[in-house]
PDB file of N, CA and C in Angstrom:
ATOM      1  N   MET A   1       3.362  37.533  -4.549  1.00  0.00           N
ATOM      2  CA  MET A   1       3.010  37.139  -3.211  1.00  0.00           C
ATOM      3  C   MET A   1       2.164  35.869  -3.220  1.00  0.00           C
ATOM      4  N   SER A   2       1.166  35.812  -4.115  1.00  0.00           N
ATOM      5  CA  SER A   2       0.324  34.613  -4.156  1.00  0.00           C
ATOM      6  C   SER A   2       1.105  33.413  -4.684  1.00  0.00           C
ATOM      7  N   GLY A   3       2.115  33.645  -5.525  1.00  0.00           N
ATOM      8  CA  GLY A   3       2.946  32.558  -6.030  1.00  0.00           C
ATOM      9  C   GLY A   3       3.699  31.865  -4.913  1.00  0.00           C
ATOM     10  N   ILE A   4       4.120  32.619  -3.910  1.00  0.00           N
ATOM     11  CA  ILE A   4       4.840  32.032  -2.782  1.00  0.00           C
ATOM     12  C   ILE A   4       3.910  31.129  -1.991  1.00  0.00           C
ATOM     13  N   GLY A   5       2.680  31.559  -1.775  1.00  0.00           N
ATOM     14  CA  GLY A   5       1.715  30.739  -1.056  1.00  0.00           C
ATOM     15  C   GLY A   5       1.420  29.443  -1.788  1.00  0.00           C
ATOM     16  N   GLN A   6       1.364  29.528  -3.116  1.00  0.00           N
ATOM     17  CA  GLN A   6       1.095  28.321  -3.893  1.00  0.00           C
ATOM     18  C   GLN A   6       2.277  27.361  -3.803  1.00  0.00           C
ATOM     19  N   ILE A   7       3.479  27.886  -3.836  1.00  0.00           N
ATOM     20  CA  ILE A   7       4.662  27.022  -3.724  1.00  0.00           C
ATOM     21  C   ILE A   7       4.684  26.368  -2.358  1.00  0.00           C
ATOM     22  N   THR A   8       4.408  27.139  -1.318  1.00  0.00           N
ATOM     23  CA  THR A   8       4.371  26.578   0.028  1.00  0.00           C
ATOM     24  C   THR A   8       3.287  25.514   0.126  1.00  0.00           C
ATOM     25  N   GLY A   9       2.123  25.771  -0.451  1.00  0.00           N
ATOM     26  CA  GLY A   9       1.036  24.802  -0.436  1.00  0.00           C
ATOM     27  C   GLY A   9       1.421  23.518  -1.143  1.00  0.00           C
ATOM     28  N   ARG A  10       2.094  23.643  -2.252  1.00  0.00           N
ATOM     29  CA  ARG A  10       2.530  22.446  -2.981  1.00  0.00           C
ATOM     30  C   ARG A  10       3.555  21.667  -2.189  1.00  0.00           C
ATOM     31  N   ALA A  11       4.450  22.369  -1.504  1.00  0.00           N
ATOM     32  CA  ALA A  11       5.446  21.672  -0.683  1.00  0.00           C
ATOM     33  C   ALA A  11       4.750  20.909   0.432  1.00  0.00           C
ATOM     34  N   ASP A  12       3.704  21.508   1.030  1.00  0.00           N
ATOM     35  CA  ASP A  12       2.975  20.831   2.089  1.00  0.00           C
ATOM     36  C   ASP A  12       2.224  19.625   1.542  1.00  0.00           C
ATOM     37  N   ILE A  13       1.636  19.756   0.374  1.00  0.00           N
ATOM     38  CA  ILE A  13       0.922  18.634  -0.228  1.00  0.00           C
ATOM     39  C   ILE A  13       1.908  17.523  -0.573  1.00  0.00           C
ATOM     40  N   ASN A  14       3.070  17.890  -1.090  1.00  0.00           N
ATOM     41  CA  ASN A  14       4.079  16.880  -1.384  1.00  0.00           C
ATOM     42  C   ASN A  14       4.531  16.180  -0.112  1.00  0.00           C
ATOM     43  N   GLN A  15       4.613  16.919   0.991  1.00  0.00           N
ATOM     44  CA  GLN A  15       4.983  16.312   2.268  1.00  0.00           C
ATOM     45  C   GLN A  15       3.903  15.336   2.727  1.00  0.00           C
ATOM     46  N   VAL A  16       2.651  15.717   2.555  1.00  0.00           N
ATOM     47  CA  VAL A  16       1.541  14.832   2.920  1.00  0.00           C
ATOM     48  C   VAL A  16       1.596  13.561   2.082  1.00  0.00           C
ATOM     49  N   LEU A  17       1.814  13.717   0.785  1.00  0.00           N
ATOM     50  CA  LEU A  17       1.912  12.541  -0.085  1.00  0.00           C
ATOM     51  C   LEU A  17       3.092  11.655   0.306  1.00  0.00           C
ATOM     52  N   ALA A  18       4.214  12.268   0.645  1.00  0.00           N
ATOM     53  CA  ALA A  18       5.376  11.494   1.080  1.00  0.00           C
ATOM     54  C   ALA A  18       5.073  10.750   2.380  1.00  0.00           C
ATOM     55  N   ASP A  19       4.372  11.403   3.301  1.00  0.00           N
ATOM     56  CA  ASP A  19       3.987  10.743   4.551  1.00  0.00           C
ATOM     57  C   ASP A  19       3.063   9.567   4.286  1.00  0.00           C
ATOM     58  N   MET A  20       2.126   9.745   3.366  1.00  0.00           N
ATOM     59  CA  MET A  20       1.193   8.663   3.033  1.00  0.00           C
ATOM     60  C   MET A  20       1.932   7.482   2.410  1.00  0.00           C
ATOM     61  N   ARG A  21       2.897   7.776   1.553  1.00  0.00           N
ATOM     62  CA  ARG A  21       3.690   6.692   0.942  1.00  0.00           C
ATOM     63  C   ARG A  21       4.498   5.951   2.001  1.00  0.00           C
ATOM     64  N   ASN A  22       5.058   6.700   2.963  1.00  0.00           N
ATOM     65  CA  ASN A  22       5.817   6.064   4.039  1.00  0.00           C
ATOM     66  C   ASN A  22       4.925   5.161   4.885  1.00  0.00           C
ATOM     67  N   LEU A  23       3.711   5.615   5.198  1.00  0.00           N
ATOM     68  CA  LEU A  23       2.788   4.788   5.964  1.00  0.00           C
ATOM     69  C   LEU A  23       2.410   3.532   5.197  1.00  0.00           C
ATOM     70  N   LYS A  24       2.203   3.680   3.892  1.00  0.00           N
ATOM     71  CA  LYS A  24       1.858   2.528   3.074  1.00  0.00           C
ATOM     72  C   LYS A  24       3.004   1.507   3.075  1.00  0.00           C
ATOM     73  N   ALA A  25       4.232   1.997   2.975  1.00  0.00           N
ATOM     74  CA  ALA A  25       5.388   1.103   2.985  1.00  0.00           C
ATOM     75  C   ALA A  25       5.529   0.396   4.329  1.00  0.00           C
ATOM     76  N   GLN A  26       5.181   1.076   5.422  1.00  0.00           N
ATOM     77  CA  GLN A  26       5.268   0.464   6.741  1.00  0.00           C
ATOM     78  C   GLN A  26       4.224  -0.628   6.913  1.00  0.00           C
ATOM     79  N   VAL A  27       3.061  -0.455   6.292  1.00  0.00           N
ATOM     80  CA  VAL A  27       1.976  -1.405   6.448  1.00  0.00           C
ATOM     81  C   VAL A  27       2.219  -2.659   5.611  1.00  0.00           C
ATOM     82  N   GLN A  28       2.812  -2.491   4.445  1.00  0.00           N
ATOM     83  CA  GLN A  28       3.024  -3.629   3.554  1.00  0.00           C
ATOM     84  C   GLN A  28       4.046  -4.576   4.158  1.00  0.00           C
ATOM     85  N   ARG A  29       3.765  -5.850   3.963  1.00  0.00           N
ATOM     86  CA  ARG A  29       4.660  -6.868   4.499  1.00  0.00           C
ATOM     87  C   ARG A  29       5.649  -7.323   3.423  1.00  0.00           C
ATOM     88  N   PRO A  30       6.793  -7.888   3.849  1.00  0.00           N
ATOM     89  CA  PRO A  30       7.738  -8.432   2.867  1.00  0.00           C
ATOM     90  C   PRO A  30       7.103  -9.577   2.076  1.00  0.00           C
ATOM     91  N   GLU A  31       7.610  -9.820   0.884  1.00  0.00           N
ATOM     92  CA  GLU A  31       7.063 -10.836  -0.015  1.00  0.00           C
ATOM     93  C   GLU A  31       7.037 -12.227   0.617  1.00  0.00           C
ATOM     94  N   GLU A  32       8.068 -12.575   1.391  1.00  0.00           N
ATOM     95  CA  GLU A  32       8.128 -13.928   1.922  1.00  0.00           C
ATOM     96  C   GLU A  32       7.053 -14.192   2.978  1.00  0.00           C
ATOM     97  N   LEU A  33       6.449 -13.145   3.539  1.00  0.00           N
ATOM     98  CA  LEU A  33       5.398 -13.327   4.533  1.00  0.00           C
ATOM     99  C   LEU A  33       4.014 -13.349   3.906  1.00  0.00           C
ATOM    100  N   ARG A  34       3.874 -12.928   2.669  1.00  0.00           N
ATOM    101  CA  ARG A  34       2.555 -12.843   2.047  1.00  0.00           C
ATOM    102  C   ARG A  34       1.976 -14.208   1.720  1.00  0.00           C
ATOM    103  N   GLU A  35       2.782 -15.097   1.168  1.00  0.00           N
ATOM    104  CA  GLU A  35       2.297 -16.415   0.801  1.00  0.00           C
ATOM    105  C   GLU A  35       3.185 -17.464   1.455  1.00  0.00           C
ATOM    106  N   PRO A  36       2.704 -18.102   2.517  1.00  0.00           N
ATOM    107  CA  PRO A  36       3.537 -19.106   3.169  1.00  0.00           C
ATOM    108  C   PRO A  36       3.708 -20.331   2.278  1.00  0.00           C
ATOM    109  N   SER A  37       4.848 -20.948   2.427  1.00  0.00           N
ATOM    110  CA  SER A  37       5.105 -22.147   1.645  1.00  0.00           C
ATOM    111  C   SER A  37       4.277 -23.296   2.204  1.00  0.00           C
ATOM    112  N   PRO A  38       3.940 -24.293   1.393  1.00  0.00           N
ATOM    113  CA  PRO A  38       3.105 -25.405   1.853  1.00  0.00           C
ATOM    114  C   PRO A  38       3.750 -26.195   2.988  1.00  0.00           C
ATOM    115  N   SER A  39       5.058 -26.186   3.088  1.00  0.00           N
ATOM    116  CA  SER A  39       5.729 -26.969   4.120  1.00  0.00           C
ATOM    117  C   SER A  39       5.700 -26.283   5.481  1.00  0.00           C
ATOM    118  N   THR A  40       5.324 -25.021   5.527  1.00  0.00           N
ATOM    119  CA  THR A  40       5.299 -24.287   6.785  1.00  0.00           C
ATOM    120  C   THR A  40       3.995 -24.563   7.516  1.00  0.00           C
ATOM    121  N   SER A  41       4.099 -25.032   8.744  1.00  0.00           N
ATOM    122  CA  SER A  41       2.895 -25.246   9.538  1.00  0.00           C
ATOM    123  C   SER A  41       2.720 -24.079  10.503  1.00  0.00           C
ATOM    124  N   VAL A  42       1.529 -23.931  11.018  1.00  0.00           N
ATOM    125  CA  VAL A  42       1.220 -22.815  11.906  1.00  0.00           C
ATOM    126  C   VAL A  42       2.022 -22.917  13.188  1.00  0.00           C
ATOM    127  N   THR A  43       2.230 -24.117  13.685  1.00  0.00           N
ATOM    128  CA  THR A  43       2.948 -24.270  14.950  1.00  0.00           C
ATOM    129  C   THR A  43       4.433 -23.986  14.811  1.00  0.00           C
ATOM    130  N   SER A  44       4.988 -24.075  13.609  1.00  0.00           N
ATOM    131  CA  SER A  44       6.416 -23.852  13.455  1.00  0.00           C
ATOM    132  C   SER A  44       6.772 -22.384  13.216  1.00  0.00           C
ATOM    133  N   VAL A  45       5.777 -21.535  12.990  1.00  0.00           N
ATOM    134  CA  VAL A  45       6.038 -20.126  12.744  1.00  0.00           C
ATOM    135  C   VAL A  45       6.142 -19.415  14.079  1.00  0.00           C
ATOM    136  N   LYS A  46       7.286 -18.801  14.326  1.00  0.00           N
ATOM    137  CA  LYS A  46       7.495 -18.075  15.575  1.00  0.00           C
ATOM    138  C   LYS A  46       7.978 -16.674  15.240  1.00  0.00           C
ATOM    139  N   PRO A  47       7.523 -15.672  15.999  1.00  0.00           N
ATOM    140  CA  PRO A  47       7.991 -14.316  15.722  1.00  0.00           C
ATOM    141  C   PRO A  47       9.476 -14.192  16.004  1.00  0.00           C
ATOM    142  N   THR A  48      10.140 -13.458  15.154  1.00  0.00           N
ATOM    143  CA  THR A  48      11.564 -13.218  15.362  1.00  0.00           C
ATOM    144  C   THR A  48      11.743 -11.920  16.124  1.00  0.00           C
ATOM    145  N   ASN A  49      12.950 -11.670  16.559  1.00  0.00           N
ATOM    146  CA  ASN A  49      13.216 -10.442  17.303  1.00  0.00           C
ATOM    147  C   ASN A  49      12.999  -9.205  16.453  1.00  0.00           C
ATOM    148  N   GLY A  50      13.164  -9.304  15.137  1.00  0.00           N
ATOM    149  CA  GLY A  50      13.000  -8.167  14.249  1.00  0.00           C
ATOM    150  C   GLY A  50      11.553  -7.879  13.885  1.00  0.00           C
ATOM    151  N   THR A  51      10.646  -8.821  14.151  1.00  0.00           N
ATOM    152  CA  THR A  51       9.244  -8.642  13.792  1.00  0.00           C
ATOM    153  C   THR A  51       8.458  -8.167  15.010  1.00  0.00           C
ATOM    154  N   PRO A  52       7.874  -6.964  14.923  1.00  0.00           N
ATOM    155  CA  PRO A  52       7.096  -6.487  16.071  1.00  0.00           C
ATOM    156  C   PRO A  52       5.775  -7.229  16.181  1.00  0.00           C
ATOM    157  N   ASP A  53       5.276  -7.392  17.388  1.00  0.00           N
ATOM    158  CA  ASP A  53       3.991  -8.048  17.567  1.00  0.00           C
ATOM    159  C   ASP A  53       2.852  -7.056  17.341  1.00  0.00           C
ATOM    160  N   PHE A  54       1.642  -7.579  17.270  1.00  0.00           N
ATOM    161  CA  PHE A  54       0.479  -6.752  16.954  1.00  0.00           C
ATOM    162  C   PHE A  54       0.270  -5.665  18.004  1.00  0.00           C
ATOM    163  N   GLY A  55       0.485  -6.011  19.256  1.00  0.00           N
ATOM    164  CA  GLY A  55       0.289  -5.045  20.337  1.00  0.00           C
ATOM    165  C   GLY A  55       1.200  -3.841  20.211  1.00  0.00           C
ATOM    166  N   SER A  56       2.453  -4.076  19.872  1.00  0.00           N
ATOM    167  CA  SER A  56       3.383  -2.948  19.738  1.00  0.00           C
ATOM    168  C   SER A  56       3.065  -2.123  18.494  1.00  0.00           C
ATOM    169  N   LEU A  57       2.630  -2.786  17.421  1.00  0.00           N
ATOM    170  CA  LEU A  57       2.229  -2.041  16.223  1.00  0.00           C
ATOM    171  C   LEU A  57       1.023  -1.159  16.512  1.00  0.00           C
ATOM    172  N   LEU A  58       0.049  -1.696  17.231  1.00  0.00           N
ATOM    173  CA  LEU A  58      -1.138  -0.932  17.578  1.00  0.00           C
ATOM    174  C   LEU A  58      -0.790   0.225  18.510  1.00  0.00           C
ATOM    175  N   SER A  59       0.093  -0.047  19.447  1.00  0.00           N
ATOM    176  CA  SER A  59       0.521   1.008  20.378  1.00  0.00           C
ATOM    177  C   SER A  59       1.235   2.138  19.645  1.00  0.00           C
ATOM    178  N   ARG A  60       2.104   1.781  18.697  1.00  0.00           N
ATOM    179  CA  ARG A  60       2.793   2.809  17.913  1.00  0.00           C
ATOM    180  C   ARG A  60       1.809   3.603  17.060  1.00  0.00           C
ATOM    181  N   ALA A  61       0.792   2.928  16.532  1.00  0.00           N
ATOM    182  CA  ALA A  61      -0.208   3.621  15.726  1.00  0.00           C
ATOM    183  C   ALA A  61      -0.990   4.619  16.569  1.00  0.00           C
ATOM    184  N   VAL A  62      -1.384   4.211  17.765  1.00  0.00           N
ATOM    185  CA  VAL A  62      -2.113   5.112  18.660  1.00  0.00           C
ATOM    186  C   VAL A  62      -1.236   6.296  19.047  1.00  0.00           C
ATOM    187  N   ASP A  63       0.038   6.023  19.348  1.00  0.00           N
ATOM    188  CA  ASP A  63       0.963   7.107  19.690  1.00  0.00           C
ATOM    189  C   ASP A  63       1.143   8.067  18.521  1.00  0.00           C
ATOM    190  N   GLY A  64       1.226   7.528  17.310  1.00  0.00           N
ATOM    191  CA  GLY A  64       1.374   8.372  16.126  1.00  0.00           C
ATOM    192  C   GLY A  64       0.159   9.257  15.895  1.00  0.00           C
ATOM    193  N   VAL A  65      -1.032   8.699  16.086  1.00  0.00           N
ATOM    194  CA  VAL A  65      -2.257   9.484  15.933  1.00  0.00           C
ATOM    195  C   VAL A  65      -2.307  10.578  16.994  1.00  0.00           C
ATOM    196  N   ASN A  66      -1.957  10.222  18.213  1.00  0.00           N
ATOM    197  CA  ASN A  66      -1.947  11.201  19.297  1.00  0.00           C
ATOM    198  C   ASN A  66      -0.958  12.330  19.000  1.00  0.00           C
ATOM    199  N   GLU A  67       0.217  11.979  18.512  1.00  0.00           N
ATOM    200  CA  GLU A  67       1.223  12.992  18.178  1.00  0.00           C
ATOM    201  C   GLU A  67       0.729  13.912  17.058  1.00  0.00           C
ATOM    202  N   THR A  68       0.097  13.342  16.054  1.00  0.00           N
ATOM    203  CA  THR A  68      -0.437  14.128  14.947  1.00  0.00           C
ATOM    204  C   THR A  68      -1.510  15.095  15.438  1.00  0.00           C
ATOM    205  N   GLN A  69      -2.371  14.622  16.334  1.00  0.00           N
ATOM    206  CA  GLN A  69      -3.418  15.488  16.865  1.00  0.00           C
ATOM    207  C   GLN A  69      -2.831  16.605  17.726  1.00  0.00           C
ATOM    208  N   GLN A  70      -1.792  16.306  18.490  1.00  0.00           N
ATOM    209  CA  GLN A  70      -1.151  17.328  19.312  1.00  0.00           C
ATOM    210  C   GLN A  70      -0.468  18.380  18.443  1.00  0.00           C
ATOM    211  N   GLU A  71       0.167  17.942  17.358  1.00  0.00           N
ATOM    212  CA  GLU A  71       0.802  18.885  16.432  1.00  0.00           C
ATOM    213  C   GLU A  71      -0.249  19.802  15.796  1.00  0.00           C
ATOM    214  N   ALA A  72      -1.377  19.228  15.407  1.00  0.00           N
ATOM    215  CA  ALA A  72      -2.453  20.025  14.809  1.00  0.00           C
ATOM    216  C   ALA A  72      -2.980  21.046  15.814  1.00  0.00           C
ATOM    217  N   SER A  73      -3.143  20.619  17.041  1.00  0.00           N
ATOM    218  CA  SER A  73      -3.635  21.520  18.079  1.00  0.00           C
ATOM    219  C   SER A  73      -2.638  22.642  18.352  1.00  0.00           C
ATOM    220  N   ALA A  74      -1.344  22.306  18.397  1.00  0.00           N
ATOM    221  CA  ALA A  74      -0.317  23.319  18.652  1.00  0.00           C
ATOM    222  C   ALA A  74      -0.253  24.331  17.506  1.00  0.00           C
ATOM    223  N   LEU A  75      -0.350  23.851  16.256  1.00  0.00           N
ATOM    224  CA  LEU A  75      -0.351  24.765  15.116  1.00  0.00           C
ATOM    225  C   LEU A  75      -1.571  25.665  15.128  1.00  0.00           C
ATOM    226  N   LYS A  76      -2.728  25.090  15.462  1.00  0.00           N
ATOM    227  CA  LYS A  76      -3.963  25.875  15.516  1.00  0.00           C
ATOM    228  C   LYS A  76      -3.848  26.969  16.572  1.00  0.00           C
ATOM    229  N   THR A  77      -3.335  26.618  17.735  1.00  0.00           N
ATOM    230  CA  THR A  77      -3.166  27.595  18.812  1.00  0.00           C
ATOM    231  C   THR A  77      -2.189  28.690  18.400  1.00  0.00           C
ATOM    232  N   ALA A  78      -1.072  28.300  17.773  1.00  0.00           N
ATOM    233  CA  ALA A  78      -0.083  29.288  17.334  1.00  0.00           C
ATOM    234  C   ALA A  78      -0.679  30.234  16.303  1.00  0.00           C
ATOM    235  N   TYR A  79      -1.471  29.690  15.388  1.00  0.00           N
ATOM    236  CA  TYR A  79      -2.106  30.531  14.367  1.00  0.00           C
ATOM    237  C   TYR A  79      -3.110  31.493  15.011  1.00  0.00           C
ATOM    238  N   GLU A  80      -3.901  30.975  15.944  1.00  0.00           N
ATOM    239  CA  GLU A  80      -4.892  31.818  16.618  1.00  0.00           C
ATOM    240  C   GLU A  80      -4.242  32.934  17.428  1.00  0.00           C
ATOM    241  N   GLN A  81      -3.030  32.679  17.934  1.00  0.00           N
ATOM    242  CA  GLN A  81      -2.324  33.690  18.713  1.00  0.00           C
ATOM    243  C   GLN A  81      -1.558  34.665  17.830  1.00  0.00           C
ATOM    244  N   GLY A  82      -1.609  34.463  16.518  1.00  0.00           N
ATOM    245  CA  GLY A  82      -1.007  35.408  15.587  1.00  0.00           C
ATOM    246  C   GLY A  82       0.459  35.160  15.288  1.00  0.00           C
ATOM    247  N   ASP A  83       0.934  33.944  15.462  1.00  0.00           N
ATOM    248  CA  ASP A  83       2.328  33.618  15.150  1.00  0.00           C
ATOM    249  C   ASP A  83       2.561  33.818  13.651  1.00  0.00           C
ATOM    250  N   PRO A  84       3.494  34.710  13.274  1.00  0.00           N
ATOM    251  CA  PRO A  84       3.699  34.989  11.847  1.00  0.00           C
ATOM    252  C   PRO A  84       4.349  33.837  11.076  1.00  0.00           C
ATOM    253  N   THR A  85       4.944  32.870  11.765  1.00  0.00           N
ATOM    254  CA  THR A  85       5.596  31.751  11.075  1.00  0.00           C
ATOM    255  C   THR A  85       4.614  30.637  10.708  1.00  0.00           C
ATOM    256  N   VAL A  86       3.380  30.730  11.206  1.00  0.00           N
ATOM    257  CA  VAL A  86       2.384  29.692  10.950  1.00  0.00           C
ATOM    258  C   VAL A  86       1.334  30.248   9.996  1.00  0.00           C
ATOM    259  N   ASP A  87       1.182  29.589   8.843  1.00  0.00           N
ATOM    260  CA  ASP A  87       0.158  30.026   7.897  1.00  0.00           C
ATOM    261  C   ASP A  87      -1.033  29.061   7.936  1.00  0.00           C
ATOM    262  N   ILE A  88      -2.141  29.533   7.434  1.00  0.00           N
ATOM    263  CA  ILE A  88      -3.395  28.778   7.520  1.00  0.00           C
ATOM    264  C   ILE A  88      -3.323  27.458   6.752  1.00  0.00           C
ATOM    265  N   THR A  89      -2.567  27.408   5.666  1.00  0.00           N
ATOM    266  CA  THR A  89      -2.481  26.158   4.904  1.00  0.00           C
ATOM    267  C   THR A  89      -1.820  25.063   5.727  1.00  0.00           C
ATOM    268  N   ARG A  90      -0.769  25.412   6.462  1.00  0.00           N
ATOM    269  CA  ARG A  90      -0.118  24.424   7.333  1.00  0.00           C
ATOM    270  C   ARG A  90      -1.075  23.921   8.401  1.00  0.00           C
ATOM    271  N   VAL A  91      -1.835  24.856   8.971  1.00  0.00           N
ATOM    272  CA  VAL A  91      -2.787  24.490  10.019  1.00  0.00           C
ATOM    273  C   VAL A  91      -3.838  23.531   9.459  1.00  0.00           C
ATOM    274  N   MET A  92      -4.380  23.863   8.300  1.00  0.00           N
ATOM    275  CA  MET A  92      -5.440  23.039   7.712  1.00  0.00           C
ATOM    276  C   MET A  92      -4.918  21.668   7.282  1.00  0.00           C
ATOM    277  N   ILE A  93      -3.741  21.616   6.722  1.00  0.00           N
ATOM    278  CA  ILE A  93      -3.178  20.326   6.299  1.00  0.00           C
ATOM    279  C   ILE A  93      -2.920  19.442   7.507  1.00  0.00           C
ATOM    280  N   GLN A  94      -2.365  20.010   8.566  1.00  0.00           N
ATOM    281  CA  GLN A  94      -2.101  19.222   9.769  1.00  0.00           C
ATOM    282  C   GLN A  94      -3.408  18.756  10.403  1.00  0.00           C
ATOM    283  N   ALA A  95      -4.430  19.608  10.371  1.00  0.00           N
ATOM    284  CA  ALA A  95      -5.735  19.207  10.909  1.00  0.00           C
ATOM    285  C   ALA A  95      -6.325  18.053  10.098  1.00  0.00           C
ATOM    286  N   GLN A  96      -6.170  18.094   8.778  1.00  0.00           N
ATOM    287  CA  GLN A  96      -6.666  17.006   7.938  1.00  0.00           C
ATOM    288  C   GLN A  96      -5.880  15.722   8.176  1.00  0.00           C
ATOM    289  N   LYS A  97      -4.565  15.835   8.366  1.00  0.00           N
ATOM    290  CA  LYS A  97      -3.753  14.657   8.697  1.00  0.00           C
ATOM    291  C   LYS A  97      -4.262  14.016   9.978  1.00  0.00           C
ATOM    292  N   ALA A  98      -4.537  14.846  10.980  1.00  0.00           N
ATOM    293  CA  ALA A  98      -5.016  14.338  12.259  1.00  0.00           C
ATOM    294  C   ALA A  98      -6.369  13.651  12.096  1.00  0.00           C
ATOM    295  N   THR A  99      -7.251  14.247  11.313  1.00  0.00           N
ATOM    296  CA  THR A  99      -8.575  13.674  11.098  1.00  0.00           C
ATOM    297  C   THR A  99      -8.488  12.339  10.368  1.00  0.00           C
ATOM    298  N   VAL A 100      -7.710  12.295   9.304  1.00  0.00           N
ATOM    299  CA  VAL A 100      -7.585  11.065   8.518  1.00  0.00           C
ATOM    300  C   VAL A 100      -6.932   9.957   9.346  1.00  0.00           C
ATOM    301  N   SER A 101      -5.892  10.286  10.090  1.00  0.00           N
ATOM    302  CA  SER A 101      -5.226   9.259  10.892  1.00  0.00           C
ATOM    303  C   SER A 101      -6.153   8.732  11.981  1.00  0.00           C
ATOM    304  N   PHE A 102      -6.958   9.610  12.595  1.00  0.00           N
ATOM    305  CA  PHE A 102      -7.899   9.158  13.613  1.00  0.00           C
ATOM    306  C   PHE A 102      -8.975   8.262  13.003  1.00  0.00           C
ATOM    307  N   GLN A 103      -9.481   8.632  11.838  1.00  0.00           N
ATOM    308  CA  GLN A 103     -10.494   7.807  11.181  1.00  0.00           C
ATOM    309  C   GLN A 103      -9.932   6.439  10.805  1.00  0.00           C
ATOM    310  N   ALA A 104      -8.698   6.402  10.334  1.00  0.00           N
ATOM    311  CA  ALA A 104      -8.072   5.125   9.980  1.00  0.00           C
ATOM    312  C   ALA A 104      -7.898   4.249  11.219  1.00  0.00           C
ATOM    313  N   LEU A 105      -7.461   4.851  12.313  1.00  0.00           N
ATOM    314  CA  LEU A 105      -7.299   4.099  13.552  1.00  0.00           C
ATOM    315  C   LEU A 105      -8.644   3.575  14.060  1.00  0.00           C
ATOM    316  N   THR A 106      -9.679   4.367  13.905  1.00  0.00           N
ATOM    317  CA  THR A 106     -11.020   3.933  14.313  1.00  0.00           C
ATOM    318  C   THR A 106     -11.472   2.733  13.485  1.00  0.00           C
ATOM    319  N   GLN A 107     -11.188   2.749  12.193  1.00  0.00           N
ATOM    320  CA  GLN A 107     -11.549   1.617  11.343  1.00  0.00           C
ATOM    321  C   GLN A 107     -10.783   0.354  11.736  1.00  0.00           C
ATOM    322  N   VAL A 108      -9.508   0.512  12.077  1.00  0.00           N
ATOM    323  CA  VAL A 108      -8.716  -0.641  12.521  1.00  0.00           C
ATOM    324  C   VAL A 108      -9.313  -1.196  13.808  1.00  0.00           C
ATOM    325  N   ARG A 109      -9.653  -0.306  14.739  1.00  0.00           N
ATOM    326  CA  ARG A 109     -10.270  -0.746  15.990  1.00  0.00           C
ATOM    327  C   ARG A 109     -11.562  -1.503  15.728  1.00  0.00           C
ATOM    328  N   ASN A 110     -12.398  -0.981  14.829  1.00  0.00           N
ATOM    329  CA  ASN A 110     -13.652  -1.647  14.510  1.00  0.00           C
ATOM    330  C   ASN A 110     -13.421  -3.040  13.939  1.00  0.00           C
ATOM    331  N   LYS A 111     -12.424  -3.182  13.077  1.00  0.00           N
ATOM    332  CA  LYS A 111     -12.125  -4.493  12.483  1.00  0.00           C
ATOM    333  C   LYS A 111     -11.604  -5.465  13.540  1.00  0.00           C
ATOM    334  N   VAL A 112     -10.794  -4.976  14.475  1.00  0.00           N
ATOM    335  CA  VAL A 112     -10.279  -5.842  15.539  1.00  0.00           C
ATOM    336  C   VAL A 112     -11.432  -6.312  16.425  1.00  0.00           C
ATOM    337  N   VAL A 113     -12.326  -5.418  16.794  1.00  0.00           N
ATOM    338  CA  VAL A 113     -13.482  -5.787  17.612  1.00  0.00           C
ATOM    339  C   VAL A 113     -14.356  -6.785  16.864  1.00  0.00           C
ATOM    340  N   GLN A 114     -14.570  -6.556  15.590  1.00  0.00           N
ATOM    341  CA  GLN A 114     -15.387  -7.472  14.790  1.00  0.00           C
ATOM    342  C   GLN A 114     -14.735  -8.858  14.723  1.00  0.00           C
ATOM    343  N   ALA A 115     -13.421  -8.902  14.530  1.00  0.00           N
ATOM    344  CA  ALA A 115     -12.718 -10.186  14.485  1.00  0.00           C
ATOM    345  C   ALA A 115     -12.823 -10.906  15.828  1.00  0.00           C
ATOM    346  N   TYR A 116     -12.682 -10.167  16.909  1.00  0.00           N
ATOM    347  CA  TYR A 116     -12.809 -10.752  18.244  1.00  0.00           C
ATOM    348  C   TYR A 116     -14.213 -11.336  18.441  1.00  0.00           C
ATOM    349  N   GLU A 117     -15.231 -10.568  18.048  1.00  0.00           N
ATOM    350  CA  GLU A 117     -16.614 -11.061  18.180  1.00  0.00           C
ATOM    351  C   GLU A 117     -16.846 -12.295  17.334  1.00  0.00           C
ATOM    352  N   ASP A 118     -16.276 -12.324  16.137  1.00  0.00           N
ATOM    353  CA  ASP A 118     -16.424 -13.495  15.280  1.00  0.00           C
ATOM    354  C   ASP A 118     -15.771 -14.726  15.903  1.00  0.00           C
ATOM    355  N   ILE A 119     -14.623 -14.535  16.502  1.00  0.00           N
ATOM    356  CA  ILE A 119     -13.921 -15.648  17.154  1.00  0.00           C
ATOM    357  C   ILE A 119     -14.725 -16.144  18.355  1.00  0.00           C
ATOM    358  N   MET A 120     -15.285 -15.226  19.120  1.00  0.00           N
ATOM    359  CA  MET A 120     -16.044 -15.599  20.304  1.00  0.00           C
ATOM    360  C   MET A 120     -17.335 -16.355  19.937  1.00  0.00           C
ATOM    361  N   LYS A 121     -17.870 -16.127  18.738  1.00  0.00           N
ATOM    362  CA  LYS A 121     -19.099 -16.793  18.301  1.00  0.00           C
ATOM    363  C   LYS A 121     -18.829 -18.187  17.726  1.00  0.00           C
ATOM    364  N   MET A 122     -17.561 -18.516  17.488  1.00  0.00           N
ATOM    365  CA  MET A 122     -17.244 -19.809  16.901  1.00  0.00           C
ATOM    366  C   MET A 122     -17.535 -20.935  17.892  1.00  0.00           C
ATOM    367  N   PRO A 123     -18.107 -22.032  17.398  1.00  0.00           N
ATOM    368  CA  PRO A 123     -18.337 -23.176  18.302  1.00  0.00           C
ATOM    369  C   PRO A 123     -17.014 -23.856  18.642  1.00  0.00           C
ATOM    370  N   ILE A 124     -16.984 -24.410  19.822  1.00  0.00           N
ATOM    371  CA  ILE A 124     -15.739 -25.068  20.266  1.00  0.00           C
ATOM    372  C   ILE A 124     -15.725 -26.525  19.872  1.00  0.00           C
TER     373      ILE A 124
END
C-alpha cells in the first residue's frame, strides 16, 4: 500500500519537474535574439507576428498563475470534502506550485516596477 503512494508521489514530482522544464523553455529566447549582430540598429528591429509583446506575455503569466491557484483551491476543497480520488500529496504539490508561481510573478512585477522607476529617474 505504501509503495503505491510512493509511486504516485514520484509521478507527481516528475510532473512538477516536467512543468518546470517547460516553463524554462518558454522563457528562454532563440539564439539569434540573444546577441544582436553589430549591423542591427535599434530602430530597424520590429516585432514580427510570431513574437508576442511583453504585455501579452505578462497577461499569459498572470492567467497561468491564477489558473494554478484555482486548481490548488479546487483540489483542497475536494480533499476537505472527502473525495476519494484526491490524495494529500496531489493537494500539497498543487499548493506548492501555486505558491512558487505567485512568488515568481511577484518578483517579475518588482523588477518591472524597479525598471520603470529607474527610467523615470533618468535625466532628459
